[in-house]
N, C-alpha and C. Protein backbone atom coordinates (compact mmCIF):
# COMPACT_ATOMS: atom_id res chain seq x y z
N MET A 1 46.86 20.64 42.26
CA MET A 1 46.35 19.28 42.92
C MET A 1 44.80 19.11 42.68
N ILE A 2 43.92 19.99 42.90
CA ILE A 2 43.04 20.56 42.98
C ILE A 2 42.45 20.32 41.43
N ALA A 3 42.69 20.54 41.09
CA ALA A 3 42.22 20.69 39.00
C ALA A 3 42.30 19.43 38.65
N LYS A 4 43.75 18.72 39.25
CA LYS A 4 43.44 17.56 38.93
C LYS A 4 42.92 16.23 38.93
N LEU A 5 42.81 16.78 40.92
CA LEU A 5 41.22 16.38 40.79
C LEU A 5 40.18 15.88 40.82
N GLY A 6 39.97 17.08 40.51
CA GLY A 6 38.44 17.93 39.45
C GLY A 6 38.63 16.69 38.27
N PHE A 7 39.78 16.96 37.61
CA PHE A 7 39.39 16.04 36.38
C PHE A 7 39.63 14.55 36.36
N SER A 8 40.20 14.32 36.71
CA SER A 8 40.03 12.85 37.70
C SER A 8 38.38 12.13 38.21
N TRP A 9 37.75 13.17 38.90
CA TRP A 9 36.28 12.86 39.13
C TRP A 9 35.54 12.79 37.95
N SER A 10 35.42 13.41 37.06
CA SER A 10 34.87 14.49 36.07
C SER A 10 34.88 12.95 34.94
N VAL A 11 36.09 12.98 34.52
CA VAL A 11 36.75 10.83 34.02
C VAL A 11 35.80 9.72 34.67
N ILE A 12 36.16 9.71 35.65
CA ILE A 12 34.97 8.85 36.38
C ILE A 12 33.59 9.00 36.33
N GLY A 13 33.10 10.42 36.34
CA GLY A 13 31.67 9.85 36.43
C GLY A 13 31.44 10.02 34.88
N VAL A 14 31.80 10.13 34.18
CA VAL A 14 31.47 9.95 32.60
C VAL A 14 31.86 8.44 32.06
N LEU A 15 33.03 8.05 33.21
CA LEU A 15 32.92 6.59 32.18
C LEU A 15 31.71 5.58 33.36
N VAL A 16 31.63 6.03 34.47
CA VAL A 16 29.71 5.06 35.36
C VAL A 16 29.12 5.62 34.37
N LEU A 17 28.59 6.86 34.03
CA LEU A 17 27.35 7.17 33.08
C LEU A 17 27.27 6.36 31.92
N LEU A 18 29.35 6.44 31.12
CA LEU A 18 28.87 4.89 29.81
C LEU A 18 28.61 3.65 30.41
N VAL A 19 29.37 2.89 31.39
CA VAL A 19 28.87 1.99 31.47
C VAL A 19 27.35 1.56 32.38
N GLY A 20 26.80 2.76 32.29
CA GLY A 20 25.18 2.46 32.74
C GLY A 20 24.45 2.64 31.86
N VAL A 21 25.03 3.57 30.78
CA VAL A 21 24.08 3.33 29.42
C VAL A 21 23.84 1.96 28.37
N ALA A 22 25.60 1.52 28.62
CA ALA A 22 25.93 -0.44 28.19
C ALA A 22 25.20 -0.68 28.56
N CYS A 23 24.88 -0.65 30.06
CA CYS A 23 23.75 -1.79 30.74
C CYS A 23 22.62 -2.07 30.61
N THR A 24 22.36 -1.12 29.92
CA THR A 24 20.76 -0.48 30.03
C THR A 24 20.26 -0.88 28.50
N SER A 25 21.03 -0.75 27.69
CA SER A 25 21.01 -0.51 26.11
C SER A 25 21.76 -2.17 25.76
N SER A 26 20.99 -3.45 25.71
CA SER A 26 21.46 -4.42 25.56
C SER A 26 21.02 -4.91 24.71
N GLY A 27 19.74 -4.14 24.05
CA GLY A 27 19.52 -4.38 22.81
C GLY A 27 17.34 -5.43 23.01
N GLU A 28 17.52 -5.95 24.67
CA GLU A 28 16.56 -6.59 25.33
C GLU A 28 15.41 -5.12 25.48
N PRO A 29 14.49 -5.57 25.06
CA PRO A 29 12.89 -4.31 25.03
C PRO A 29 12.90 -3.98 26.89
N ASP A 30 12.79 -2.59 26.73
CA ASP A 30 12.44 -2.82 28.63
C ASP A 30 10.96 -2.66 28.61
N PRO A 31 11.58 -3.45 29.73
CA PRO A 31 10.03 -4.41 29.94
C PRO A 31 8.91 -3.12 30.45
N ASN A 32 9.16 -2.07 31.08
CA ASN A 32 8.69 -1.25 31.70
C ASN A 32 7.71 -0.26 30.82
N ASN A 33 8.37 -0.31 29.75
CA ASN A 33 8.07 0.13 28.18
C ASN A 33 6.51 -0.10 27.59
N GLN A 34 5.80 0.05 27.19
CA GLN A 34 4.33 -0.49 26.65
C GLN A 34 4.20 -0.06 25.25
N TYR A 35 5.20 0.75 25.05
CA TYR A 35 4.86 1.52 23.27
C TYR A 35 6.46 1.27 22.81
N PRO A 36 6.90 0.02 22.44
CA PRO A 36 8.46 0.74 22.46
C PRO A 36 8.24 -0.12 20.89
N ASP A 37 9.42 0.26 20.22
CA ASP A 37 9.63 0.32 18.95
C ASP A 37 9.80 -1.09 18.59
N LEU A 38 8.52 -0.95 17.14
CA LEU A 38 8.63 -2.97 16.91
C LEU A 38 9.73 -3.54 16.17
N SER A 39 10.25 -2.46 15.90
CA SER A 39 11.09 -2.76 14.26
C SER A 39 11.86 -3.71 15.09
N ASN A 40 11.86 -4.91 13.84
CA ASN A 40 12.90 -6.28 14.22
C ASN A 40 12.36 -6.85 15.72
N THR A 41 11.68 -6.64 15.36
CA THR A 41 10.53 -7.49 16.62
C THR A 41 9.54 -9.14 15.43
N SER A 42 8.96 -10.13 16.42
CA SER A 42 8.13 -10.90 15.70
C SER A 42 7.66 -11.60 16.52
N TRP A 43 6.54 -11.80 16.10
CA TRP A 43 5.20 -12.61 16.65
C TRP A 43 4.39 -13.19 15.79
N GLN A 44 3.79 -13.98 17.04
CA GLN A 44 2.77 -15.25 16.51
C GLN A 44 1.49 -15.31 17.30
N LEU A 45 0.16 -15.20 16.40
CA LEU A 45 -1.06 -14.87 16.90
C LEU A 45 -1.62 -16.45 17.99
N HIS A 46 -2.34 -15.13 18.99
CA HIS A 46 -2.11 -16.23 20.15
C HIS A 46 -4.09 -15.95 20.24
N SER A 47 -4.36 -13.96 19.95
CA SER A 47 -6.24 -14.45 19.50
C SER A 47 -6.56 -13.72 19.17
N LEU A 48 -7.62 -13.72 18.30
CA LEU A 48 -8.77 -12.58 17.41
C LEU A 48 -9.93 -12.41 18.07
N ASP A 49 -10.11 -11.06 18.67
CA ASP A 49 -10.67 -10.76 18.97
C ASP A 49 -11.43 -11.48 20.61
N GLY A 50 -10.61 -12.18 20.78
CA GLY A 50 -10.34 -12.80 22.28
C GLY A 50 -11.27 -14.22 21.88
N SER A 51 -10.96 -14.89 20.49
CA SER A 51 -10.78 -16.24 20.20
C SER A 51 -9.18 -16.91 19.84
N SER A 52 -9.06 -18.01 20.54
CA SER A 52 -7.60 -18.72 19.93
C SER A 52 -8.11 -19.02 18.41
N PRO A 53 -6.86 -18.72 17.56
CA PRO A 53 -6.81 -19.20 16.28
C PRO A 53 -7.29 -20.32 16.35
N ILE A 54 -7.67 -20.82 14.99
CA ILE A 54 -8.10 -22.48 14.48
C ILE A 54 -6.56 -23.29 15.14
N ASP A 55 -6.94 -24.29 15.46
CA ASP A 55 -6.16 -25.20 15.22
C ASP A 55 -5.60 -25.44 14.49
N GLY A 56 -3.87 -25.50 14.34
CA GLY A 56 -3.40 -25.88 12.59
C GLY A 56 -2.86 -24.94 11.58
N SER A 57 -3.76 -23.78 12.57
CA SER A 57 -2.99 -22.42 11.25
C SER A 57 -1.83 -21.72 11.99
N MET A 58 -1.19 -21.03 11.52
CA MET A 58 -0.44 -20.43 11.63
C MET A 58 -0.24 -19.23 11.56
N THR A 59 -0.18 -18.11 12.47
CA THR A 59 -0.18 -16.23 11.68
C THR A 59 0.88 -15.54 12.48
N THR A 60 1.79 -15.34 11.52
CA THR A 60 2.85 -14.57 11.94
C THR A 60 2.64 -12.78 12.00
N LEU A 61 3.78 -12.42 12.57
CA LEU A 61 3.74 -10.58 12.33
C LEU A 61 5.56 -10.58 12.60
N LEU A 62 6.12 -9.85 11.64
CA LEU A 62 7.19 -9.76 11.87
C LEU A 62 7.44 -7.95 11.71
N PHE A 63 7.83 -7.13 11.78
CA PHE A 63 8.68 -5.98 12.01
C PHE A 63 9.72 -5.75 11.59
N GLU A 64 10.08 -4.94 10.28
CA GLU A 64 11.47 -4.73 10.28
C GLU A 64 11.65 -3.51 9.43
N ASN A 65 12.48 -2.23 10.40
CA ASN A 65 12.28 -1.24 10.18
C ASN A 65 10.99 -0.39 10.09
N GLU A 66 10.76 -0.41 8.24
CA GLU A 66 9.53 0.61 8.48
C GLU A 66 8.70 -0.49 7.73
N THR A 67 8.76 -1.56 7.35
CA THR A 67 7.59 -2.76 6.57
C THR A 67 7.60 -3.50 7.53
N LEU A 68 6.43 -4.37 7.89
CA LEU A 68 5.96 -5.42 8.01
C LEU A 68 5.38 -6.93 6.92
N SER A 69 5.84 -7.88 7.54
CA SER A 69 5.69 -8.83 6.70
C SER A 69 4.67 -10.37 7.64
N GLY A 70 4.53 -11.26 6.97
CA GLY A 70 3.89 -12.32 7.99
C GLY A 70 3.46 -13.75 7.26
N THR A 71 2.59 -14.84 7.84
CA THR A 71 1.34 -15.46 7.33
C THR A 71 0.37 -15.63 7.64
N SER A 72 -1.02 -15.45 7.41
CA SER A 72 -2.26 -14.85 7.63
C SER A 72 -2.87 -16.13 7.96
N GLY A 73 -2.26 -17.20 8.05
CA GLY A 73 -3.06 -18.48 8.07
C GLY A 73 -3.32 -19.26 7.02
N CYS A 74 -3.12 -18.89 5.52
CA CYS A 74 -3.45 -19.32 4.46
C CYS A 74 -2.23 -18.34 3.67
N ASN A 75 -2.63 -17.57 3.58
CA ASN A 75 -1.65 -16.57 2.53
C ASN A 75 -0.57 -15.44 2.92
N SER A 76 0.48 -15.33 2.50
CA SER A 76 1.46 -14.20 3.09
C SER A 76 1.14 -12.67 2.75
N TYR A 77 1.42 -11.57 3.45
CA TYR A 77 1.23 -10.52 3.56
C TYR A 77 2.36 -9.93 3.32
N GLY A 78 1.79 -8.40 3.39
CA GLY A 78 3.33 -7.56 2.92
C GLY A 78 2.39 -6.35 3.48
N GLY A 79 3.49 -5.00 4.25
CA GLY A 79 2.97 -3.48 4.10
C GLY A 79 4.48 -2.78 4.78
N ARG A 80 3.52 -1.57 4.98
CA ARG A 80 4.37 -0.56 5.39
C ARG A 80 3.47 -0.33 6.83
N PHE A 81 4.93 -0.20 8.06
CA PHE A 81 3.96 0.42 8.97
C PHE A 81 4.59 2.10 9.72
N ASN A 82 4.14 2.41 10.19
CA ASN A 82 4.66 3.79 11.60
C ASN A 82 3.99 4.15 12.77
N GLN A 83 4.57 4.24 13.44
CA GLN A 83 4.13 4.47 14.63
C GLN A 83 4.60 5.70 15.42
N PRO A 84 3.76 7.06 14.55
CA PRO A 84 3.22 8.68 15.20
C PRO A 84 3.56 8.98 16.36
N GLY A 85 2.90 7.98 17.21
CA GLY A 85 2.78 8.36 18.51
C GLY A 85 3.04 7.36 19.47
N ASP A 86 2.98 8.14 20.98
CA ASP A 86 3.21 7.04 21.61
C ASP A 86 2.55 5.57 21.74
N ASP A 87 1.14 5.57 21.54
CA ASP A 87 0.45 4.19 21.53
C ASP A 87 0.24 3.76 20.23
N ASP A 88 0.06 4.94 19.10
CA ASP A 88 -0.21 5.21 17.78
C ASP A 88 0.44 4.02 16.72
N LEU A 89 -0.05 3.36 15.89
CA LEU A 89 0.17 2.60 15.15
C LEU A 89 -0.83 2.25 13.74
N VAL A 90 0.36 3.26 12.79
CA VAL A 90 -0.15 2.81 11.14
C VAL A 90 0.02 1.70 10.50
N ILE A 91 -1.16 1.30 9.70
CA ILE A 91 -0.54 0.14 8.30
C ILE A 91 -0.66 0.84 7.26
N GLU A 92 -0.13 0.47 6.37
CA GLU A 92 -0.06 0.86 4.96
C GLU A 92 0.31 0.10 4.02
N GLU A 93 -0.45 -0.31 2.94
CA GLU A 93 0.00 0.01 1.76
C GLU A 93 -0.17 -2.36 2.09
N LEU A 94 -1.13 -2.38 2.58
CA LEU A 94 -0.87 -3.87 2.86
C LEU A 94 -1.74 -5.02 1.33
N ALA A 95 -1.10 -5.76 1.47
CA ALA A 95 -1.30 -6.27 0.44
C ALA A 95 -1.01 -8.33 0.37
N TYR A 96 -1.42 -8.60 0.09
CA TYR A 96 -1.77 -10.07 0.24
C TYR A 96 -1.52 -11.18 -0.97
N THR A 97 -1.33 -12.50 -0.65
CA THR A 97 -1.39 -13.14 -2.16
C THR A 97 -3.01 -13.42 -1.71
N GLU A 98 -3.54 -14.22 -2.77
CA GLU A 98 -4.69 -14.64 -2.88
C GLU A 98 -5.13 -16.39 -2.86
N MET A 99 -4.66 -17.00 -2.42
CA MET A 99 -4.62 -18.70 -2.52
C MET A 99 -5.85 -18.95 -1.55
N ALA A 100 -7.03 -20.05 -2.10
CA ALA A 100 -7.65 -20.60 -1.31
C ALA A 100 -7.26 -21.77 -0.84
N CYS A 101 -7.47 -21.62 0.54
CA CYS A 101 -7.17 -22.97 1.55
C CYS A 101 -8.58 -23.75 1.63
N LEU A 102 -8.65 -24.87 1.99
CA LEU A 102 -10.03 -25.45 2.42
C LEU A 102 -9.31 -26.08 3.96
N ASP A 103 -8.65 -26.23 4.53
CA ASP A 103 -8.12 -26.73 5.55
C ASP A 103 -7.14 -25.89 6.41
N PRO A 104 -7.39 -25.71 7.93
CA PRO A 104 -8.34 -26.31 8.12
C PRO A 104 -9.98 -25.62 7.78
N ASP A 105 -10.92 -25.97 8.40
CA ASP A 105 -12.07 -25.79 8.80
C ASP A 105 -12.79 -24.13 9.35
N GLY A 106 -12.77 -22.82 8.00
CA GLY A 106 -12.73 -21.40 8.69
C GLY A 106 -11.24 -20.75 8.40
N ILE A 107 -10.65 -21.44 8.42
CA ILE A 107 -9.59 -20.44 8.06
C ILE A 107 -8.86 -19.60 7.46
N MET A 108 -9.90 -19.49 6.02
CA MET A 108 -10.52 -18.54 5.13
C MET A 108 -10.72 -16.78 6.20
N GLU A 109 -12.21 -17.52 6.49
CA GLU A 109 -13.44 -16.47 7.80
C GLU A 109 -11.72 -15.87 8.51
N GLN A 110 -11.02 -17.43 8.75
CA GLN A 110 -9.90 -16.13 10.01
C GLN A 110 -8.95 -15.62 9.56
N GLU A 111 -8.35 -15.58 8.54
CA GLU A 111 -7.14 -15.08 7.53
C GLU A 111 -8.40 -13.62 7.57
N GLN A 112 -9.42 -13.37 6.28
CA GLN A 112 -9.80 -12.29 6.53
C GLN A 112 -10.43 -11.63 7.87
N ARG A 113 -10.82 -11.90 8.62
CA ARG A 113 -10.88 -11.14 10.04
C ARG A 113 -9.56 -10.69 10.48
N PHE A 114 -8.64 -11.34 10.37
CA PHE A 114 -7.52 -11.00 10.53
C PHE A 114 -7.06 -9.60 9.93
N LEU A 115 -6.60 -9.98 8.82
CA LEU A 115 -6.10 -8.84 8.10
C LEU A 115 -7.33 -7.38 7.98
N GLU A 116 -8.12 -7.54 8.13
CA GLU A 116 -9.37 -6.84 8.07
C GLU A 116 -8.85 -5.98 9.68
N ILE A 117 -8.54 -6.68 10.77
CA ILE A 117 -8.01 -5.99 11.59
C ILE A 117 -6.39 -5.16 11.82
N LEU A 118 -5.97 -6.12 10.90
CA LEU A 118 -4.56 -5.90 11.22
C LEU A 118 -4.60 -4.49 10.34
N SER A 119 -5.36 -4.72 9.18
CA SER A 119 -5.33 -3.05 7.86
C SER A 119 -6.00 -1.93 8.56
N ALA A 120 -6.94 -2.01 10.09
CA ALA A 120 -7.57 -0.76 10.50
C ALA A 120 -6.76 -0.35 11.49
N ALA A 121 -5.81 -1.10 11.75
CA ALA A 121 -5.19 -0.38 13.47
C ALA A 121 -4.63 0.21 13.36
N THR A 122 -5.07 1.27 15.23
CA THR A 122 -5.22 2.54 14.94
C THR A 122 -4.38 2.83 16.77
N GLY A 123 -3.37 1.37 17.31
CA GLY A 123 -2.99 1.29 18.26
C GLY A 123 -2.06 0.16 18.45
N TYR A 124 -1.03 0.19 19.85
CA TYR A 124 -0.81 -1.17 20.42
C TYR A 124 -0.10 -0.66 21.36
N VAL A 125 0.08 -1.72 22.36
CA VAL A 125 0.46 -2.09 23.35
C VAL A 125 1.38 -3.21 23.83
N VAL A 126 2.06 -3.02 24.55
CA VAL A 126 3.33 -4.28 24.37
C VAL A 126 2.94 -4.24 26.37
N SER A 127 1.86 -5.62 26.65
CA SER A 127 2.30 -5.89 28.58
C SER A 127 2.59 -7.35 28.32
N GLU A 128 3.48 -7.30 29.30
CA GLU A 128 3.88 -8.59 30.14
C GLU A 128 4.10 -9.64 28.59
N GLY A 129 5.01 -9.07 28.00
CA GLY A 129 5.70 -9.81 27.07
C GLY A 129 4.74 -9.75 25.42
N GLN A 130 2.83 -9.41 25.72
CA GLN A 130 2.49 -9.93 24.61
C GLN A 130 2.19 -8.15 24.22
N LEU A 131 2.05 -8.27 22.78
CA LEU A 131 1.77 -7.74 21.56
C LEU A 131 0.39 -7.27 21.60
N SER A 132 -0.39 -6.38 21.65
CA SER A 132 -1.93 -5.95 21.55
C SER A 132 -1.82 -5.12 20.66
N ILE A 133 -2.84 -5.02 19.21
CA ILE A 133 -3.18 -4.35 17.82
C ILE A 133 -4.25 -4.11 18.52
N TYR A 134 -5.05 -2.71 18.24
CA TYR A 134 -6.27 -2.99 18.60
C TYR A 134 -6.87 -2.08 17.36
N ALA A 135 -8.36 -2.12 17.00
CA ALA A 135 -8.70 -0.81 15.79
C ALA A 135 -10.44 -0.63 16.32
N ASP A 136 -10.80 0.15 15.75
CA ASP A 136 -11.93 0.09 15.83
C ASP A 136 -12.82 -0.80 15.94
N SER A 137 -12.36 -2.33 15.06
CA SER A 137 -13.57 -3.61 14.25
C SER A 137 -12.68 -4.32 15.11
N GLY A 138 -12.10 -4.28 16.39
CA GLY A 138 -11.38 -5.57 17.24
C GLY A 138 -10.34 -5.43 16.84
N PHE A 139 -9.60 -6.50 18.08
CA PHE A 139 -8.51 -6.72 18.95
C PHE A 139 -7.35 -8.04 18.01
N LEU A 140 -6.37 -7.70 18.10
CA LEU A 140 -5.30 -8.94 17.88
C LEU A 140 -3.91 -9.32 18.92
N LEU A 141 -3.70 -9.62 19.25
CA LEU A 141 -3.37 -10.59 20.62
C LEU A 141 -2.15 -11.52 20.33
N PHE A 142 -1.07 -10.67 20.33
CA PHE A 142 0.23 -12.17 19.89
C PHE A 142 1.55 -12.62 21.20
N ASN A 143 1.98 -13.55 20.90
CA ASN A 143 3.02 -13.53 21.63
C ASN A 143 4.64 -13.80 20.56
N PRO A 144 5.96 -13.64 21.46
CA PRO A 144 7.12 -13.58 20.62
C PRO A 144 7.03 -14.57 19.62
N ALA A 145 7.06 -14.63 18.91
CA ALA A 145 7.54 -15.85 18.01
C ALA A 145 8.69 -16.66 18.27
N GLU A 146 8.59 -18.14 18.71
CA GLU A 146 9.69 -18.79 18.47
C GLU A 146 10.71 -19.16 17.75
């Protein structure tokens, strides 16, 4: 009788553990984790070095597996990324199209600055739902893409 009771409690314990894991593994990011895996997330630029993007411009960033892509205001870009440590972010092989855009005014300068910071990224943090990417030369702040 004792062996059966012990087995039953073991089974119940395993089931409780599995239910707990299932409830915490919903695919939603953990709001307490400031350095989540960025794979399969998408973002829209909120500020560049603390300044709002030019009105009428759209700068996006999509992380998929080990690649990233997006629009930089005028052109499209893509490359590879990895996250070797807690807050480390390394962007490699960044390539982009080279169209010239005249509108809105200043878009090419903004795009150049964005790509400069992104390609030199050294780290990141996610706080209050926003992604910050930083480099020695500046920082980018993103909101989740809509």
